[in-house]
Amino acid sequence: MNRLWRFGYRRGMTANERMEAIQAVVDRVTSWQDGATEGTVADELRRGAEKVGVDMSEDEVRRLADVIEDRHAAVSAADVLGRTG
């Protein structure tokens, strides 16, 4: 099935499309996370991933959340997760 998801992402996405979707979620979460309570960043990553139709493992969520919370700056999902996620 090649149905479009909200925000233009779709099922069966390529590794590059998946990373693009994750990066969009990371960018959105990073833009407001400063001062967020512990756990909020991970929750928002999960929520955002669901909205764009991309599956993320708990390990991926945890790794991204840790970097977002530590850096308080732009985060590259590809660098944190590896080029293909």
Protein backbone atom coordinates (compact mmCIF):
# COMPACT_ATOMS: atom_id res chain seq x y z
CA MET A 1 0.00 0.00 0.00
CA ASN A 2 1.45 3.35 -1.01
CA ARG A 3 -1.04 5.67 0.65
CA LEU A 4 0.09 9.16 1.64
CA TRP A 5 0.30 9.93 5.33
CA ARG A 6 -0.30 13.31 6.89
CA PHE A 7 2.56 15.71 6.22
CA GLY A 8 3.40 13.92 2.97
CA TYR A 9 5.16 10.83 4.32
CA ARG A 10 3.94 7.38 3.34
CA ARG A 11 4.08 3.75 4.27
CA GLY A 12 6.95 1.77 2.83
CA MET A 13 9.21 4.79 2.84
CA THR A 14 12.85 4.43 1.87
CA ALA A 15 15.62 4.79 4.44
CA ASN A 16 16.24 8.35 3.23
CA GLU A 17 12.56 9.25 3.46
CA ARG A 18 12.41 7.73 6.95
CA MET A 19 15.42 9.80 8.06
CA GLU A 20 13.86 12.93 6.52
CA ALA A 21 10.67 12.29 8.50
CA ILE A 22 12.61 11.71 11.73
CA GLN A 23 14.65 14.89 11.13
CA ALA A 24 11.44 16.91 10.70
CA VAL A 25 10.21 15.60 14.06
CA VAL A 26 13.57 16.30 15.72
CA ASP A 27 13.63 19.85 14.33
CA ARG A 28 10.14 20.55 15.66
CA VAL A 29 10.89 19.13 19.11
CA THR A 30 14.28 20.86 19.31
CA SER A 31 12.72 24.24 18.51
CA TRP A 32 10.68 24.32 21.73
CA GLN A 33 12.35 21.83 24.10
CA ASP A 34 14.42 24.29 26.14
CA GLY A 35 13.12 24.03 29.67
CA ALA A 36 10.89 21.03 28.99
CA THR A 37 10.46 18.61 31.86
CA GLU A 38 12.29 15.28 31.78
CA GLY A 39 10.43 12.82 29.60
CA THR A 40 8.61 15.50 27.63
CA VAL A 41 11.13 15.44 24.79
CA ALA A 42 10.83 11.66 24.39
CA ASP A 43 7.03 11.87 24.53
CA GLU A 44 6.99 14.56 21.86
CA LEU A 45 9.36 12.56 19.66
CA ARG A 46 6.99 9.58 19.88
CA ARG A 47 3.95 11.76 19.17
CA GLY A 48 5.64 13.46 16.22
CA ALA A 49 6.82 10.17 14.76
CA GLU A 50 3.29 8.83 14.92
CA LYS A 51 1.94 11.94 13.18
CA VAL A 52 4.33 11.58 10.26
CA GLY A 53 3.87 7.81 10.06
CA VAL A 54 7.37 6.67 10.94
CA ASP A 55 8.18 3.89 13.39
CA MET A 56 10.93 4.64 15.89
CA SER A 57 12.30 2.16 18.39
CA GLU A 58 12.51 3.07 22.06
CA ASP A 59 16.30 3.07 21.66
CA GLU A 60 16.09 5.62 18.83
CA VAL A 61 13.71 7.81 20.85
CA ARG A 62 15.96 7.62 23.92
CA ARG A 63 19.14 8.40 21.96
CA LEU A 64 17.57 11.39 20.21
CA ALA A 65 15.95 12.69 23.40
CA ASP A 66 19.26 12.48 25.28
CA VAL A 67 21.08 14.48 22.61
CA ILE A 68 18.28 17.07 22.27
CA GLU A 69 18.19 17.58 26.04
CA ASP A 70 22.01 17.81 26.31
CA ARG A 71 22.78 20.06 23.34
CA HIS A 72 20.04 22.70 23.41
CA ALA A 73 20.91 23.29 19.74
CA ALA A 74 20.32 21.82 16.30
CA VAL A 75 20.52 18.02 16.25
CA SER A 76 21.20 15.84 13.22
CA ALA A 77 19.11 12.68 13.44
CA ALA A 78 21.40 11.03 10.89
CA ASP A 79 24.46 11.69 13.06
CA VAL A 80 22.77 10.38 16.20
CA LEU A 81 21.14 7.33 14.64
CA GLY A 82 23.53 6.64 11.81
CA ARG A 83 22.94 7.64 8.21
CA THR A 84 20.04 5.29 7.56
CA GLY A 85 18.48 5.26 11.02
